[in-house]
Amino acid sequence: MVKLEDLKQQYPDPPEFIHQMILDEVEKQMGGLRPNTYTQRASRNSYPCGTGGLRPDTYTEAAGNGKRRKHPWTFRQAAAAVLAACMSIGMVGFAAVSLYHLSMEENGRYGVVTEITTAADEDKSVPLPEKISDVRIQADYIPEGMHWDEEQYHLEYEDDQTKEGFSFNTLLLDTESNELNITDTNVVEKEKTDFGEHEGIYMRMEENGYSQKIYLLCPEVYRILVMYIGEDVTKEDAYKTASGIKLVETGEMLDTSEVWKWSEFIGQNTESGSERDGFSTSVPKNEIAVHEIGKAFPLEVSGNDTDGNAVSSYEDPEINVEVKVDSVEISDDLSLLEGDQIAEKCKSNIGPDGKLLKNQLSYIKRGDGIQTLDETIRTEEEVQKLVLVTASYTNQGSKEIHNVCYNGNILLIQETEDEYRIYSYDGEMNDVAGGGYDEISGQAYDAIEQTGFTGRDRIYGSLNVDYGMGGNYIPALRPGESVQIKMAWITNERDLGNMYLNLCDTGGLWEFDEYMIKTGIVDIRQ
């Protein structure tokens, strides 16, 4: 017979909050039961395994007359049984696995509603500790041709970075998780199944890019893992990868309040751009400065002083950095770029003639994602161009600054009589490129999907150091010193006449924020 003491030695002691959950469960099971009273046998299929299909507050023993008489469990017996069951399947596993489950429901023809349900009472939230263990993703199966990027949490293709591969988000199952749901749209294939030891929901959407998704429930660490899967990944590899995923505790404890939560994820994905506080895609002309190429202007910066202390021009008037766009060059290849900072995804965008490949544009009329799918109105090709900007950063102040972040984003702006309006090709938060009416087909459209570069991502920075995320930092700027930096983007030829450059360190490209308006933008239209 296995003794409780032996189980205690075999399995590690659980955190205190697990002890409390066990005691709460025992109290609930014992509630309303008076000593020395008989109880009725429960259905064997009504309760989880580990209790033999019976309520933990009852047990049966054979009587001499062949009948089975029933006795109530004492609190000690119930607690011991629950604790032993916990140990036999894993402490946290018993407390969490039996509480959380995934639910999937159809919404119309192409909508899928995902919800996390709990076995807790409807009027009682599932308790969480004040601290939770940090986790890392362990992929036991990696599809052929991919490798694991530990820093970016990606499984990516080694030889072709234009393919998406896998991207991951880990989210905490917070106390509101069982009150919220999320609806995915344009779903043409779906399945709720087990991936290894975890419940999961697979979906394939009628869209480009990350067209597959898996919600993977990992309650043993109080997480749900969202897997975004590229269209180039086969369903078989998606299933094998999900089945081999483990969230391994690192031993580092995090404050629960600081971990990104499932409820926050849902809120972010249901929030529209118009509802975001202070979000503005247009600005009156008289409220923002527009700088010319070759003209210097003050730039708000942050960094460190010579002793390593954080400093910024926002707080210290003696820190004074100016920036100037020296030149803008346009090319149809990558010959303007130097050094080893050219990304592989750029190199793979070159055709046999050495020129940038053409961008494939698809004009899309959005369906509602529930009853109707997106419709492609028309497709066409567009020439792409490399845009290389050379800018000089000069310290006009009296203090030496280290680790100065430089940033640059191209804004696509449609100028009207009274304002500047940012547009984009996806049309989700901004006006859609081209105004939303296609004269060739005579139909309205909501978005333009692209196979090439969008002009939004900076693909090159001539100065890259081993500091911070991205390495886009100037190691040091001494008083009177200037540092010249080259930055590059790939954009559609049609947008060359609408390009403005934002050099603000906040890096906005979808909206006009207060820092961008204060700093101003540079007119780099060609």
Foldseek 3Di string as FASTA:
>chain_A
DDDLVNLPVVADDDDPVLVVLLLVVLCVLCPPPDAPDFDDWDALPPDDPLCSSTRLQKDWDADPVRDIGIHTHDSVSSSSSSVSSCSVVPSLCSLFVQFWDWDWDAFFQQKIKIAIGTPDDPVDFRDDDQKAFAWAKDFPDQDPQWDADRVQQFTAGPQARLFGAKHKDKAAADRCRRVDIAMDFQWPDKDWDDQAPWTKIWTAHPDAFQRIWMWTDDRSRRIIMIMRGHPVDDPVSVSNRSSRMDIGGPPDMDRPVPTHHPVVVRVVVVDALVNDPPFAQKDWPVLFDAAEAPDKFWAWWWFAAPVRHIDICVPDVLWTKIKHWNDKDKAQACVVDDDDLFDSNRVVQADPVRGGHWKKKWFWAQDPRRHDHIDTQDIDTFRKMKIKIKMKMAGQGQGKGFFIAWEKWKFQWDDDPTMTGTEFQAQRNGQHPPRQADPVRRGGGRGMDISGFRRGDWRDKPQADPDDPGRRTDGMHHHGDMDMMMIMTMHTPVRLQRIKMQGHSVHDHRGDHPSCRVRHIYDRRD
